[in-house]
Amino acid sequence: MTRTSRLDTTLTQRLREFAFGDEDFAALRKLVRELTGISLTEQKRELVYGRLSRRLRALKLDSFGEYRQLLAANGAELVHLCNAITTNLTAFFREQHHFVHLRDHILRPLASAPGGARRLRIWSAGCSTGEEPYSIAMSVLEALPDLSGWDIRILATDLDSDVLERARRGIYPAERVTGLDTTRLARFFSAHGESATPSYEVVPELRALISFRQLNLVHRLPMKGPLDIIFCRNTIIYFDKETQRDLFGRMAQLQRPGDLLFVGHSENLFKVSTDYTLVGRTIYRRN
């Protein structure tokens, strides 16, 4: 570390509300890795401080040392730790090409196929506040207007219990639905409440397709499969390669040859998994 870097670090420490030393960051980084599989690099130090400082204020603690003692003694606080660290950036129909492919190249051909299996299982892994699974459900209803005779379930999971609760409620402020076209907004949402700032609630038809569950991806996956489609997008970028390999190995066991996996725009399975072949832009098919 250069003299300038040391001075910058010292100044930052003095300006902080709570002292946050190397020992604190190392201990919290190790704990987060064990709990979630997320690898926090040195560049995430300020993110960790900022997000966990809110917990110290809420708990009326004076130091990160006290907070680490609380984590060791109180399992309930571990949930708040995970919720604070996980990032939940999402939007309806984010990475739209995935939903176009889902609707036009997977679901619509199923609708016109004579007879055959009418079972469909889709998993949204890392569903955040619900925009992704609700977008999947909208795509299903657009492509398959008559669901009679179909057995369709969308499993939506996330580690963060707070965002899952918001997803279950399915109520979004106006700014969250501004990207939706008027046809989708009118069909799949209803105005909620009478406040000056409008909000929108998903219709029961969408809710009926989705089951929300809390799930830690680094733990054993409880579902049996087979899963026709998995959305695991913008999640593995927080995992190291070893954790990624383990996760996709377990996901592959839940899929049959020909089943599909969608990953995020900055993610790929190069040197991570040989169980899948790239067939489109961040779209993989199970070998």
C-alpha atoms as a PDB file:
ATOM      1  CA  MET A   1       0.000   0.000   0.000  1.00  0.00           C
ATOM      2  CA  THR A   2       1.386   3.402  -0.980  1.00  0.00           C
ATOM      3  CA  ARG A   3       1.712   6.311   1.443  1.00  0.00           C
ATOM      4  CA  THR A   4      -1.164   8.081  -0.352  1.00  0.00           C
ATOM      5  CA  SER A   5      -3.362   4.983  -0.041  1.00  0.00           C
ATOM      6  CA  ARG A   6      -2.581   4.718   3.668  1.00  0.00           C
ATOM      7  CA  LEU A   7      -3.513   8.379   4.162  1.00  0.00           C
ATOM      8  CA  ASP A   8      -6.779   7.897   2.247  1.00  0.00           C
ATOM      9  CA  THR A   9      -7.627   4.850   4.360  1.00  0.00           C
ATOM     10  CA  THR A  10      -6.861   6.693   7.596  1.00  0.00           C
ATOM     11  CA  LEU A  11      -9.012   9.654   6.548  1.00  0.00           C
ATOM     12  CA  THR A  12     -11.894   7.356   5.606  1.00  0.00           C
ATOM     13  CA  GLN A  13     -11.716   5.647   8.995  1.00  0.00           C
ATOM     14  CA  ARG A  14     -11.836   8.994  10.792  1.00  0.00           C
ATOM     15  CA  LEU A  15     -14.890  10.107   8.801  1.00  0.00           C
ATOM     16  CA  ARG A  16     -16.836   6.920   9.493  1.00  0.00           C
ATOM     17  CA  GLU A  17     -19.539   6.735  12.100  1.00  0.00           C
ATOM     18  CA  PHE A  18     -18.299   3.295  13.191  1.00  0.00           C
ATOM     19  CA  ALA A  19     -14.744   1.979  13.195  1.00  0.00           C
ATOM     20  CA  PHE A  20     -14.437  -0.733  10.530  1.00  0.00           C
ATOM     21  CA  GLY A  21     -11.069  -2.428  10.488  1.00  0.00           C
ATOM     22  CA  ASP A  22      -9.495  -5.218   8.470  1.00  0.00           C
ATOM     23  CA  GLU A  23     -10.473  -7.770  11.115  1.00  0.00           C
ATOM     24  CA  ASP A  24     -14.133  -6.728  10.907  1.00  0.00           C
ATOM     25  CA  PHE A  25     -14.226  -6.920   7.121  1.00  0.00           C
ATOM     26  CA  ALA A  26     -12.381 -10.247   6.998  1.00  0.00           C
ATOM     27  CA  ALA A  27     -14.691 -11.846   9.566  1.00  0.00           C
ATOM     28  CA  LEU A  28     -17.862 -10.585   7.872  1.00  0.00           C
ATOM     29  CA  ARG A  29     -16.615 -11.553   4.426  1.00  0.00           C
ATOM     30  CA  LYS A  30     -15.879 -15.081   5.657  1.00  0.00           C
ATOM     31  CA  LEU A  31     -19.312 -15.363   7.276  1.00  0.00           C
ATOM     32  CA  VAL A  32     -21.134 -14.100   4.165  1.00  0.00           C
ATOM     33  CA  ARG A  33     -19.202 -16.587   2.011  1.00  0.00           C
ATOM     34  CA  GLU A  34     -20.192 -19.457   4.314  1.00  0.00           C
ATOM     35  CA  LEU A  35     -23.838 -18.415   4.489  1.00  0.00           C
ATOM     36  CA  THR A  36     -24.556 -17.388   0.916  1.00  0.00           C
ATOM     37  CA  GLY A  37     -21.692 -18.403  -1.351  1.00  0.00           C
ATOM     38  CA  ILE A  38     -21.165 -14.734  -2.221  1.00  0.00           C
ATOM     39  CA  SER A  39     -17.506 -13.743  -2.549  1.00  0.00           C
ATOM     40  CA  LEU A  40     -16.943 -10.189  -1.364  1.00  0.00           C
ATOM     41  CA  THR A  41     -13.813  -8.697  -2.911  1.00  0.00           C
ATOM     42  CA  GLU A  42     -11.799  -5.877  -1.385  1.00  0.00           C
ATOM     43  CA  GLN A  43     -13.706  -3.515  -3.680  1.00  0.00           C
ATOM     44  CA  LYS A  44     -16.913  -4.366  -1.762  1.00  0.00           C
ATOM     45  CA  ARG A  45     -15.539  -3.104   1.571  1.00  0.00           C
ATOM     46  CA  GLU A  46     -17.444   0.188   1.447  1.00  0.00           C
ATOM     47  CA  LEU A  47     -20.628  -1.556   0.304  1.00  0.00           C
ATOM     48  CA  VAL A  48     -20.433  -3.872   3.327  1.00  0.00           C
ATOM     49  CA  TYR A  49     -19.815  -0.965   5.673  1.00  0.00           C
ATOM     50  CA  GLY A  50     -22.670   1.113   4.240  1.00  0.00           C
ATOM     51  CA  ARG A  51     -25.275  -1.608   4.324  1.00  0.00           C
ATOM     52  CA  LEU A  52     -24.389  -3.016   7.732  1.00  0.00           C
ATOM     53  CA  SER A  53     -24.069   0.390   9.365  1.00  0.00           C
ATOM     54  CA  ARG A  54     -27.857   0.607   9.017  1.00  0.00           C
ATOM     55  CA  ARG A  55     -28.161  -2.556  11.106  1.00  0.00           C
ATOM     56  CA  LEU A  56     -25.862  -1.119  13.793  1.00  0.00           C
ATOM     57  CA  ARG A  57     -28.031   1.999  14.005  1.00  0.00           C
ATOM     58  CA  ALA A  58     -31.241  -0.031  14.112  1.00  0.00           C
ATOM     59  CA  LEU A  59     -29.832  -2.230  16.879  1.00  0.00           C
ATOM     60  CA  LYS A  60     -28.296   0.744  18.737  1.00  0.00           C
ATOM     61  CA  LEU A  61     -24.827  -0.814  18.676  1.00  0.00           C
ATOM     62  CA  ASP A  62     -21.610   1.159  19.022  1.00  0.00           C
ATOM     63  CA  SER A  63     -19.199  -0.922  16.966  1.00  0.00           C
ATOM     64  CA  PHE A  64     -18.797  -3.666  14.388  1.00  0.00           C
ATOM     65  CA  GLY A  65     -17.166  -5.726  17.117  1.00  0.00           C
ATOM     66  CA  GLU A  66     -20.469  -5.678  19.016  1.00  0.00           C
ATOM     67  CA  TYR A  67     -22.299  -6.585  15.827  1.00  0.00           C
ATOM     68  CA  ARG A  68     -20.041  -9.582  15.225  1.00  0.00           C
ATOM     69  CA  GLN A  69     -20.697 -10.758  18.781  1.00  0.00           C
ATOM     70  CA  LEU A  70     -24.423 -10.456  18.152  1.00  0.00           C
ATOM     71  CA  LEU A  71     -24.146 -12.499  14.964  1.00  0.00           C
ATOM     72  CA  ALA A  72     -22.375 -15.250  16.895  1.00  0.00           C
ATOM     73  CA  ALA A  73     -25.081 -15.313  19.562  1.00  0.00           C
ATOM     74  CA  ASN A  74     -28.282 -14.591  17.638  1.00  0.00           C
ATOM     75  CA  GLY A  75     -29.171 -16.712  14.609  1.00  0.00           C
ATOM     76  CA  ALA A  76     -32.052 -14.393  13.705  1.00  0.00           C
ATOM     77  CA  GLU A  77     -29.624 -11.588  12.940  1.00  0.00           C
ATOM     78  CA  LEU A  78     -27.938 -13.775  10.327  1.00  0.00           C
ATOM     79  CA  VAL A  79     -31.091 -13.385   8.225  1.00  0.00           C
ATOM     80  CA  HIS A  80     -30.790  -9.597   8.411  1.00  0.00           C
ATOM     81  CA  LEU A  81     -27.112  -9.857   7.495  1.00  0.00           C
ATOM     82  CA  CYS A  82     -27.914 -11.853   4.341  1.00  0.00           C
ATOM     83  CA  ASN A  83     -30.766  -9.530   3.419  1.00  0.00           C
ATOM     84  CA  ALA A  84     -28.519  -6.488   3.813  1.00  0.00           C
ATOM     85  CA  ILE A  85     -25.692  -7.852   1.672  1.00  0.00           C
ATOM     86  CA  THR A  86     -27.625  -9.346  -1.238  1.00  0.00           C
ATOM     87  CA  THR A  87     -28.228  -7.041  -4.195  1.00  0.00           C
ATOM     88  CA  ASN A  88     -31.744  -6.874  -5.645  1.00  0.00           C
ATOM     89  CA  LEU A  89     -31.604  -4.996  -8.937  1.00  0.00           C
ATOM     90  CA  THR A  90     -34.473  -6.113 -11.160  1.00  0.00           C
ATOM     91  CA  ALA A  91     -37.200  -4.930 -13.523  1.00  0.00           C
ATOM     92  CA  PHE A  92     -40.148  -6.296 -15.468  1.00  0.00           C
ATOM     93  CA  PHE A  93     -38.953  -7.984 -18.681  1.00  0.00           C
ATOM     94  CA  ARG A  94     -35.325  -7.187 -17.918  1.00  0.00           C
ATOM     95  CA  GLU A  95     -33.164  -8.563 -20.750  1.00  0.00           C
ATOM     96  CA  GLN A  96     -36.238  -8.676 -22.961  1.00  0.00           C
ATOM     97  CA  HIS A  97     -34.764 -11.071 -25.542  1.00  0.00           C
ATOM     98  CA  HIS A  98     -35.095 -13.895 -22.998  1.00  0.00           C
ATOM     99  CA  PHE A  99     -38.836 -13.387 -22.727  1.00  0.00           C
ATOM    100  CA  VAL A 100     -39.259 -13.055 -26.492  1.00  0.00           C
ATOM    101  CA  HIS A 101     -37.447 -16.380 -26.893  1.00  0.00           C
ATOM    102  CA  LEU A 102     -39.525 -17.960 -24.123  1.00  0.00           C
ATOM    103  CA  ARG A 103     -42.822 -16.796 -25.616  1.00  0.00           C
ATOM    104  CA  ASP A 104     -42.175 -17.183 -29.351  1.00  0.00           C
ATOM    105  CA  HIS A 105     -39.783 -20.132 -29.572  1.00  0.00           C
ATOM    106  CA  ILE A 106     -40.811 -22.294 -26.620  1.00  0.00           C
ATOM    107  CA  LEU A 107     -44.334 -21.573 -25.437  1.00  0.00           C
ATOM    108  CA  ARG A 108     -46.164 -20.780 -28.685  1.00  0.00           C
ATOM    109  CA  PRO A 109     -44.915 -23.946 -30.417  1.00  0.00           C
ATOM    110  CA  LEU A 110     -46.187 -25.893 -27.398  1.00  0.00           C
ATOM    111  CA  ALA A 111     -49.610 -24.308 -27.800  1.00  0.00           C
ATOM    112  CA  SER A 112     -49.925 -25.563 -31.373  1.00  0.00           C
ATOM    113  CA  ALA A 113     -48.367 -28.994 -30.801  1.00  0.00           C
ATOM    114  CA  PRO A 114     -50.929 -31.806 -31.095  1.00  0.00           C
ATOM    115  CA  GLY A 115     -51.463 -33.721 -27.839  1.00  0.00           C
ATOM    116  CA  GLY A 116     -48.298 -34.460 -25.908  1.00  0.00           C
ATOM    117  CA  ALA A 117     -47.353 -33.561 -22.373  1.00  0.00           C
ATOM    118  CA  ARG A 118     -49.095 -30.516 -20.928  1.00  0.00           C
ATOM    119  CA  ARG A 119     -46.801 -30.146 -17.951  1.00  0.00           C
ATOM    120  CA  LEU A 120     -44.430 -27.197 -17.629  1.00  0.00           C
ATOM    121  CA  ARG A 121     -42.090 -26.372 -14.744  1.00  0.00           C
ATOM    122  CA  ILE A 122     -40.094 -23.121 -14.630  1.00  0.00           C
ATOM    123  CA  TRP A 123     -37.750 -21.976 -11.887  1.00  0.00           C
ATOM    124  CA  SER A 124     -36.816 -18.336 -11.270  1.00  0.00           C
ATOM    125  CA  ALA A 125     -33.700 -18.619  -9.089  1.00  0.00           C
ATOM    126  CA  GLY A 126     -32.942 -15.300  -7.417  1.00  0.00           C
ATOM    127  CA  CYS A 127     -36.364 -13.791  -8.079  1.00  0.00           C
ATOM    128  CA  SER A 128     -35.814 -10.663  -5.950  1.00  0.00           C
ATOM    129  CA  THR A 129     -39.001  -8.570  -5.620  1.00  0.00           C
ATOM    130  CA  GLY A 130     -40.890 -10.679  -8.142  1.00  0.00           C
ATOM    131  CA  GLU A 131     -40.558  -8.816 -11.437  1.00  0.00           C
ATOM    132  CA  GLU A 132     -38.854 -11.780 -13.128  1.00  0.00           C
ATOM    133  CA  PRO A 133     -41.360 -14.528 -12.229  1.00  0.00           C
ATOM    134  CA  TYR A 134     -44.304 -12.227 -12.950  1.00  0.00           C
ATOM    135  CA  SER A 135     -42.737 -11.468 -16.358  1.00  0.00           C
ATOM    136  CA  ILE A 136     -42.443 -15.221 -16.959  1.00  0.00           C
ATOM    137  CA  ALA A 137     -46.088 -15.674 -15.981  1.00  0.00           C
ATOM    138  CA  MET A 138     -47.173 -12.867 -18.328  1.00  0.00           C
ATOM    139  CA  SER A 139     -45.253 -14.559 -21.164  1.00  0.00           C
ATOM    140  CA  VAL A 140     -47.011 -17.845 -20.387  1.00  0.00           C
ATOM    141  CA  LEU A 141     -50.465 -16.264 -20.499  1.00  0.00           C
ATOM    142  CA  GLU A 142     -49.696 -14.379 -23.704  1.00  0.00           C
ATOM    143  CA  ALA A 143     -48.497 -17.525 -25.461  1.00  0.00           C
ATOM    144  CA  LEU A 144     -51.022 -19.955 -23.950  1.00  0.00           C
ATOM    145  CA  PRO A 145     -54.320 -18.055 -23.665  1.00  0.00           C
ATOM    146  CA  ASP A 146     -56.226 -21.218 -22.775  1.00  0.00           C
ATOM    147  CA  LEU A 147     -54.609 -23.000 -19.824  1.00  0.00           C
ATOM    148  CA  SER A 148     -57.310 -25.644 -19.469  1.00  0.00           C
ATOM    149  CA  GLY A 149     -55.639 -29.027 -19.560  1.00  0.00           C
ATOM    150  CA  TRP A 150     -52.242 -27.542 -18.707  1.00  0.00           C
ATOM    151  CA  ASP A 151     -50.235 -28.200 -15.540  1.00  0.00           C
ATOM    152  CA  ILE A 152     -47.973 -25.141 -15.238  1.00  0.00           C
ATOM    153  CA  ARG A 153     -46.042 -24.029 -12.177  1.00  0.00           C
ATOM    154  CA  ILE A 154     -43.433 -21.308 -11.743  1.00  0.00           C
ATOM    155  CA  LEU A 155     -41.195 -21.655  -8.694  1.00  0.00           C
ATOM    156  CA  ALA A 156     -39.687 -18.330  -7.579  1.00  0.00           C
ATOM    157  CA  THR A 157     -36.946 -18.410  -4.943  1.00  0.00           C
ATOM    158  CA  ASP A 158     -34.623 -15.963  -3.247  1.00  0.00           C
ATOM    159  CA  LEU A 159     -32.361 -15.893  -0.215  1.00  0.00           C
ATOM    160  CA  ASP A 160     -33.639 -12.486   0.925  1.00  0.00           C
ATOM    161  CA  SER A 161     -36.797 -12.895   3.002  1.00  0.00           C
ATOM    162  CA  ASP A 162     -37.640  -9.187   2.770  1.00  0.00           C
ATOM    163  CA  VAL A 163     -37.787  -9.068  -1.022  1.00  0.00           C
ATOM    164  CA  LEU A 164     -39.710 -12.337  -1.100  1.00  0.00           C
ATOM    165  CA  GLU A 165     -42.439 -10.800   1.029  1.00  0.00           C
ATOM    166  CA  ARG A 166     -42.677  -7.871  -1.369  1.00  0.00           C
ATOM    167  CA  ALA A 167     -42.829 -10.316  -4.281  1.00  0.00           C
ATOM    168  CA  ARG A 168     -45.671 -12.247  -2.664  1.00  0.00           C
ATOM    169  CA  ARG A 169     -47.641  -9.026  -2.183  1.00  0.00           C
ATOM    170  CA  GLY A 170     -47.250  -8.232  -5.855  1.00  0.00           C
ATOM    171  CA  ILE A 171     -47.855  -4.497  -5.380  1.00  0.00           C
ATOM    172  CA  TYR A 172     -45.561  -2.087  -7.218  1.00  0.00           C
ATOM    173  CA  PRO A 173     -45.257   1.723  -7.265  1.00  0.00           C
ATOM    174  CA  ALA A 174     -45.945   3.452 -10.560  1.00  0.00           C
ATOM    175  CA  GLU A 175     -42.260   3.912 -11.393  1.00  0.00           C
ATOM    176  CA  ARG A 176     -41.728   0.132 -11.340  1.00  0.00           C
ATOM    177  CA  VAL A 177     -44.261  -0.466 -14.129  1.00  0.00           C
ATOM    178  CA  THR A 178     -43.391   2.475 -16.396  1.00  0.00           C
ATOM    179  CA  GLY A 179     -41.500   0.168 -18.759  1.00  0.00           C
ATOM    180  CA  LEU A 180     -44.563  -1.980 -19.427  1.00  0.00           C
ATOM    181  CA  ASP A 181     -46.667  -1.284 -22.489  1.00  0.00           C
ATOM    182  CA  THR A 182     -50.240  -0.182 -21.875  1.00  0.00           C
ATOM    183  CA  THR A 183     -51.713  -3.495 -23.067  1.00  0.00           C
ATOM    184  CA  ARG A 184     -49.783  -5.511 -20.489  1.00  0.00           C
ATOM    185  CA  LEU A 185     -50.431  -2.990 -17.759  1.00  0.00           C
ATOM    186  CA  ALA A 186     -54.183  -3.075 -18.392  1.00  0.00           C
ATOM    187  CA  ARG A 187     -54.357  -6.858 -18.636  1.00  0.00           C
ATOM    188  CA  PHE A 188     -52.093  -7.950 -15.802  1.00  0.00           C
ATOM    189  CA  PHE A 189     -52.374  -5.177 -13.184  1.00  0.00           C
ATOM    190  CA  SER A 190     -55.089  -3.340 -11.318  1.00  0.00           C
ATOM    191  CA  ALA A 191     -54.843   0.023  -9.594  1.00  0.00           C
ATOM    192  CA  HIS A 192     -54.144  -0.388  -5.882  1.00  0.00           C
ATOM    193  CA  GLY A 193     -55.251   2.027  -3.176  1.00  0.00           C
ATOM    194  CA  GLU A 194     -56.285   5.626  -3.483  1.00  0.00           C
ATOM    195  CA  SER A 195     -53.122   7.449  -2.460  1.00  0.00           C
ATOM    196  CA  ALA A 196     -51.689  10.413  -4.324  1.00  0.00           C
ATOM    197  CA  THR A 197     -48.871   8.167  -5.576  1.00  0.00           C
ATOM    198  CA  PRO A 198     -50.523   5.311  -7.486  1.00  0.00           C
ATOM    199  CA  SER A 199     -49.457   1.703  -7.209  1.00  0.00           C
ATOM    200  CA  TYR A 200     -50.376  -1.398  -9.166  1.00  0.00           C
ATOM    201  CA  GLU A 201     -51.205  -4.923  -8.057  1.00  0.00           C
ATOM    202  CA  VAL A 202     -50.743  -8.054 -10.154  1.00  0.00           C
ATOM    203  CA  VAL A 203     -53.978  -9.825 -11.051  1.00  0.00           C
ATOM    204  CA  PRO A 204     -54.890 -13.176  -9.415  1.00  0.00           C
ATOM    205  CA  GLU A 205     -54.360 -14.928 -12.762  1.00  0.00           C
ATOM    206  CA  LEU A 206     -50.635 -14.236 -12.483  1.00  0.00           C
ATOM    207  CA  ARG A 207     -50.392 -15.120  -8.797  1.00  0.00           C
ATOM    208  CA  ALA A 208     -52.011 -18.492  -9.441  1.00  0.00           C
ATOM    209  CA  LEU A 209     -49.045 -19.622 -11.539  1.00  0.00           C
ATOM    210  CA  ILE A 210     -46.292 -18.780  -9.044  1.00  0.00           C
ATOM    211  CA  SER A 211     -45.064 -20.231  -5.749  1.00  0.00           C
ATOM    212  CA  PHE A 212     -42.594 -18.102  -3.781  1.00  0.00           C
ATOM    213  CA  ARG A 213     -40.093 -19.874  -1.507  1.00  0.00           C
ATOM    214  CA  GLN A 214     -36.956 -18.877   0.395  1.00  0.00           C
ATOM    215  CA  LEU A 215     -33.927 -20.802  -0.827  1.00  0.00           C
ATOM    216  CA  ASN A 216     -30.169 -20.543  -0.398  1.00  0.00           C
ATOM    217  CA  LEU A 217     -28.538 -21.639  -3.665  1.00  0.00           C
ATOM    218  CA  VAL A 218     -25.412 -22.932  -1.934  1.00  0.00           C
ATOM    219  CA  HIS A 219     -27.488 -25.414   0.068  1.00  0.00           C
ATOM    220  CA  ARG A 220     -29.089 -28.627  -1.169  1.00  0.00           C
ATOM    221  CA  LEU A 221     -31.765 -27.970  -3.766  1.00  0.00           C
ATOM    222  CA  PRO A 222     -35.009 -29.460  -2.424  1.00  0.00           C
ATOM    223  CA  MET A 223     -36.911 -29.711  -5.716  1.00  0.00           C
ATOM    224  CA  LYS A 224     -37.026 -32.998  -7.602  1.00  0.00           C
ATOM    225  CA  GLY A 225     -37.481 -31.839 -11.181  1.00  0.00           C
ATOM    226  CA  PRO A 226     -37.486 -32.210 -14.035  1.00  0.00           C
ATOM    227  CA  LEU A 227     -37.409 -28.465 -14.668  1.00  0.00           C
ATOM    228  CA  ASP A 228     -38.109 -27.491 -18.259  1.00  0.00           C
ATOM    229  CA  ILE A 229     -36.671 -24.001 -17.879  1.00  0.00           C
ATOM    230  CA  ILE A 230     -34.415 -22.335 -15.309  1.00  0.00           C
ATOM    231  CA  PHE A 231     -33.860 -18.586 -15.067  1.00  0.00           C
ATOM    232  CA  CYS A 232     -30.687 -17.980 -13.039  1.00  0.00           C
ATOM    233  CA  ARG A 233     -29.762 -14.482 -14.077  1.00  0.00           C
ATOM    234  CA  ASN A 234     -27.391 -11.904 -12.600  1.00  0.00           C
ATOM    235  CA  THR A 235     -26.841 -14.143  -9.585  1.00  0.00           C
ATOM    236  CA  ILE A 236     -23.691 -16.190 -10.189  1.00  0.00           C
ATOM    237  CA  ILE A 237     -21.580 -13.066 -10.731  1.00  0.00           C
ATOM    238  CA  TYR A 238     -21.380 -12.875  -6.929  1.00  0.00           C
ATOM    239  CA  PHE A 239     -20.077 -16.477  -6.647  1.00  0.00           C
ATOM    240  CA  ASP A 240     -16.550 -17.728  -7.145  1.00  0.00           C
ATOM    241  CA  LYS A 241     -15.905 -20.315  -9.883  1.00  0.00           C
ATOM    242  CA  GLU A 242     -15.971 -23.263  -7.511  1.00  0.00           C
ATOM    243  CA  THR A 243     -19.409 -22.277  -6.198  1.00  0.00           C
ATOM    244  CA  GLN A 244     -20.652 -21.687  -9.750  1.00  0.00           C
ATOM    245  CA  ARG A 245     -19.500 -25.135 -10.867  1.00  0.00           C
ATOM    246  CA  ASP A 246     -21.203 -26.785  -7.925  1.00  0.00           C
ATOM    247  CA  LEU A 247     -24.457 -24.891  -8.447  1.00  0.00           C
ATOM    248  CA  PHE A 248     -24.778 -25.589 -12.167  1.00  0.00           C
ATOM    249  CA  GLY A 249     -23.822 -29.203 -11.608  1.00  0.00           C
ATOM    250  CA  ARG A 250     -26.760 -29.534  -9.231  1.00  0.00           C
ATOM    251  CA  MET A 251     -29.054 -27.629 -11.582  1.00  0.00           C
ATOM    252  CA  ALA A 252     -28.102 -29.931 -14.456  1.00  0.00           C
ATOM    253  CA  GLN A 253     -29.307 -32.904 -12.410  1.00  0.00           C
ATOM    254  CA  LEU A 254     -32.772 -31.307 -12.348  1.00  0.00           C
ATOM    255  CA  GLN A 255     -32.998 -30.970 -16.125  1.00  0.00           C
ATOM    256  CA  ARG A 256     -33.274 -33.343 -19.082  1.00  0.00           C
ATOM    257  CA  PRO A 257     -31.482 -33.063 -22.429  1.00  0.00           C
ATOM    258  CA  GLY A 258     -33.086 -30.214 -24.327  1.00  0.00           C
ATOM    259  CA  ASP A 259     -34.243 -28.263 -21.274  1.00  0.00           C
ATOM    260  CA  LEU A 260     -33.194 -24.612 -21.147  1.00  0.00           C
ATOM    261  CA  LEU A 261     -31.162 -22.376 -18.832  1.00  0.00           C
ATOM    262  CA  PHE A 262     -31.156 -18.567 -19.030  1.00  0.00           C
ATOM    263  CA  VAL A 263     -28.282 -16.633 -17.408  1.00  0.00           C
ATOM    264  CA  GLY A 264     -27.578 -12.904 -17.060  1.00  0.00           C
ATOM    265  CA  HIS A 265     -26.117 -10.631 -19.746  1.00  0.00           C
ATOM    266  CA  SER A 266     -22.686 -10.545 -18.044  1.00  0.00           C
ATOM    267  CA  GLU A 267     -22.596 -14.265 -17.183  1.00  0.00           C
ATOM    268  CA  ASN A 268     -21.520 -17.383 -19.051  1.00  0.00           C
ATOM    269  CA  LEU A 269     -20.703 -21.035 -18.400  1.00  0.00           C
ATOM    270  CA  PHE A 270     -17.224 -20.989 -19.934  1.00  0.00           C
ATOM    271  CA  LYS A 271     -14.999 -23.219 -17.764  1.00  0.00           C
ATOM    272  CA  VAL A 272     -17.958 -23.571 -15.390  1.00  0.00           C
ATOM    273  CA  SER A 273     -20.135 -26.328 -16.860  1.00  0.00           C
ATOM    274  CA  THR A 274     -19.947 -28.814 -19.727  1.00  0.00           C
ATOM    275  CA  ASP A 275     -23.538 -29.925 -19.123  1.00  0.00           C
ATOM    276  CA  TYR A 276     -24.942 -27.093 -21.257  1.00  0.00           C
ATOM    277  CA  THR A 277     -24.447 -25.785 -24.797  1.00  0.00           C
ATOM    278  CA  LEU A 278     -24.924 -22.131 -25.760  1.00  0.00           C
ATOM    279  CA  VAL A 279     -27.843 -21.839 -28.212  1.00  0.00           C
ATOM    280  CA  GLY A 280     -28.629 -18.107 -28.052  1.00  0.00           C
ATOM    281  CA  ARG A 281     -27.625 -14.890 -26.353  1.00  0.00           C
ATOM    282  CA  THR A 282     -27.039 -16.109 -22.750  1.00  0.00           C
ATOM    283  CA  ILE A 283     -29.405 -19.027 -23.436  1.00  0.00           C
ATOM    284  CA  TYR A 284     -28.167 -22.579 -22.835  1.00  0.00           C
ATOM    285  CA  ARG A 285     -29.582 -26.022 -23.623  1.00  0.00           C
ATOM    286  CA  ARG A 286     -28.994 -29.056 -21.403  1.00  0.00           C
ATOM    287  CA  ASN A 287     -26.841 -31.641 -23.239  1.00  0.00           C
END
